[in-house]
Amino acid sequence: MAFPRLRRKLEKGKMKFVLIGFFVIFLALAGSAAELRPSQVYYGDPFNFKHPASINMEKVINSHPLSKKLSSYSEKEPEFWLYLNKINQDIFDVLHNFAQEKGYDLIVERGSMKNVPDITREVISCLKR
């Protein structure tokens, strides 16, 4: 047995609450990032963050000036992909700059995390500038 003292303390119940406490803390920290799907993370590291925010990506995309042009093309036309690429690049540039400016280190889809501010309006305002 590698840890006979630890085993004796566990058998006596003295370390029981300490181990349960560590387990609860581990679950709390791991649970917030484990629930996120990669498609819900738009900026930052979901396993290492302190100041998260959320956005409604559908509203952000629809607010882009080129989104109306995009809807007039089919996926088979090259213009569709050119406009889509431009929209994506603009949105992610704005997200990066906004997050840096406001100190957000994680931006996720609205509703994917609890108790985080919704910054959709602010991001749309920055996108329209």
Protein backbone atom coordinates (compact mmCIF):
# COMPACT_ATOMS: atom_id res chain seq x y z
CA MET A 1 0.00 0.00 0.00
CA ALA A 2 1.53 3.28 -1.08
CA PHE A 3 -0.28 5.59 1.38
CA PRO A 4 -1.02 3.68 4.59
CA ARG A 5 -1.58 6.81 6.73
CA LEU A 6 -4.00 8.30 4.22
CA ARG A 7 -5.85 5.01 4.04
CA ARG A 8 -6.18 4.86 7.83
CA LYS A 9 -7.52 8.44 7.94
CA LEU A 10 -10.00 7.68 5.19
CA GLU A 11 -11.14 4.60 7.05
CA LYS A 12 -11.67 6.67 10.16
CA GLY A 13 -13.64 9.24 8.17
CA LYS A 14 -11.43 12.24 8.92
CA MET A 15 -10.56 12.93 5.28
CA LYS A 16 -14.00 12.09 3.91
CA PHE A 17 -15.25 15.67 3.87
CA VAL A 18 -12.02 17.01 2.38
CA LEU A 19 -12.22 14.58 -0.52
CA ILE A 20 -15.90 15.36 -1.09
CA GLY A 21 -15.06 19.07 -1.08
CA PHE A 22 -12.35 18.62 -3.71
CA PHE A 23 -14.72 16.55 -5.82
CA VAL A 24 -17.49 19.18 -5.64
CA ILE A 25 -15.08 21.97 -6.58
CA PHE A 26 -13.75 19.92 -9.49
CA LEU A 27 -17.27 19.28 -10.80
CA ALA A 28 -18.22 22.94 -10.49
CA LEU A 29 -15.17 24.09 -12.44
CA ALA A 30 -15.34 21.36 -15.05
CA GLY A 31 -19.10 21.62 -15.52
CA SER A 32 -19.21 25.14 -16.93
CA ALA A 33 -16.81 24.41 -19.79
CA ALA A 34 -17.88 20.82 -20.37
CA GLU A 35 -21.43 21.89 -21.21
CA LEU A 36 -20.31 24.11 -24.07
CA ARG A 37 -20.16 22.75 -27.58
CA PRO A 38 -17.43 24.10 -29.87
CA SER A 39 -20.09 25.63 -32.12
CA GLN A 40 -21.25 27.79 -29.18
CA VAL A 41 -17.85 29.42 -28.59
CA TYR A 42 -17.06 32.41 -30.79
CA TYR A 43 -14.09 33.86 -28.95
CA GLY A 44 -11.74 32.67 -26.23
CA ASP A 45 -10.86 29.50 -24.40
CA PRO A 46 -13.85 27.75 -22.77
CA PHE A 47 -11.53 26.01 -20.30
CA ASN A 48 -9.70 29.15 -19.16
CA PHE A 49 -11.84 32.26 -18.70
CA LYS A 50 -12.79 34.78 -16.03
CA HIS A 51 -15.01 37.36 -17.77
CA PRO A 52 -17.47 35.73 -20.23
CA ALA A 53 -20.22 37.30 -22.32
CA SER A 54 -22.84 36.02 -24.75
CA ILE A 55 -24.30 37.07 -28.09
CA ASN A 56 -27.13 36.03 -30.37
CA MET A 57 -25.09 35.19 -33.47
CA GLU A 58 -28.13 34.97 -35.72
CA LYS A 59 -29.04 38.59 -34.92
CA VAL A 60 -25.44 39.69 -35.44
CA ILE A 61 -25.25 37.98 -38.84
CA ASN A 62 -28.62 39.38 -39.94
CA SER A 63 -27.54 42.88 -38.95
CA HIS A 64 -24.52 42.81 -41.27
CA PRO A 65 -25.07 44.99 -44.35
CA LEU A 66 -24.09 42.15 -46.70
CA SER A 67 -26.56 39.64 -45.25
CA LYS A 68 -29.31 40.83 -47.58
CA LYS A 69 -27.04 40.36 -50.59
CA LEU A 70 -26.09 36.91 -49.34
CA SER A 71 -29.72 35.80 -49.30
CA SER A 72 -30.10 36.65 -52.99
CA TYR A 73 -27.54 33.99 -54.00
CA SER A 74 -27.64 30.21 -53.74
CA GLU A 75 -24.88 28.13 -52.22
CA LYS A 76 -23.94 26.99 -55.72
CA GLU A 77 -22.88 30.49 -56.78
CA PRO A 78 -19.39 31.74 -55.93
CA GLU A 79 -20.73 35.15 -54.81
CA PHE A 80 -22.55 33.43 -51.95
CA TRP A 81 -19.25 32.14 -50.53
CA LEU A 82 -17.45 35.42 -51.09
CA TYR A 83 -20.12 37.35 -49.19
CA LEU A 84 -20.29 34.72 -46.46
CA ASN A 85 -16.53 34.87 -46.00
CA LYS A 86 -16.63 38.67 -45.77
CA ILE A 87 -19.47 38.58 -43.22
CA ASN A 88 -17.62 36.00 -41.09
CA GLN A 89 -14.38 37.95 -41.21
CA ASP A 90 -16.08 41.23 -40.27
CA ILE A 91 -17.97 39.66 -37.37
CA PHE A 92 -14.96 37.91 -35.91
CA ASP A 93 -12.80 41.00 -36.26
CA VAL A 94 -15.44 42.99 -34.36
CA LEU A 95 -15.74 40.27 -31.70
CA HIS A 96 -11.99 40.18 -31.19
CA ASN A 97 -11.66 43.97 -30.96
CA PHE A 98 -14.73 44.33 -28.72
CA ALA A 99 -13.54 41.58 -26.37
CA GLN A 100 -10.09 43.13 -26.12
CA GLU A 101 -11.52 46.60 -25.51
CA LYS A 102 -14.07 45.52 -22.87
CA GLY A 103 -11.99 42.80 -21.21
CA TYR A 104 -14.09 39.78 -22.17
CA ASP A 105 -12.07 36.59 -22.46
CA LEU A 106 -14.91 34.32 -23.66
CA ILE A 107 -17.84 35.03 -25.97
CA VAL A 108 -20.45 32.29 -26.40
CA GLU A 109 -23.90 31.83 -27.92
CA ARG A 110 -26.65 33.36 -25.80
CA GLY A 111 -28.24 30.78 -23.53
CA SER A 112 -25.27 28.40 -23.53
CA MET A 113 -24.02 29.71 -20.16
CA LYS A 114 -25.96 31.05 -17.21
CA ASN A 115 -25.50 34.50 -15.67
CA VAL A 116 -23.37 36.10 -18.38
CA PRO A 117 -24.10 39.50 -19.93
CA ASP A 118 -25.66 39.64 -23.39
CA ILE A 119 -23.55 41.97 -25.56
CA THR A 120 -25.44 41.46 -28.82
CA ARG A 121 -26.55 45.09 -29.14
CA GLU A 122 -23.06 46.44 -28.50
CA VAL A 123 -21.51 44.07 -31.04
CA ILE A 124 -24.13 45.05 -33.65
CA SER A 125 -23.37 48.72 -33.00
CA CYS A 126 -19.67 48.09 -33.55
CA LEU A 127 -20.39 46.09 -36.68
CA LYS A 128 -22.41 48.93 -38.24
CA ARG A 129 -19.60 51.47 -37.77
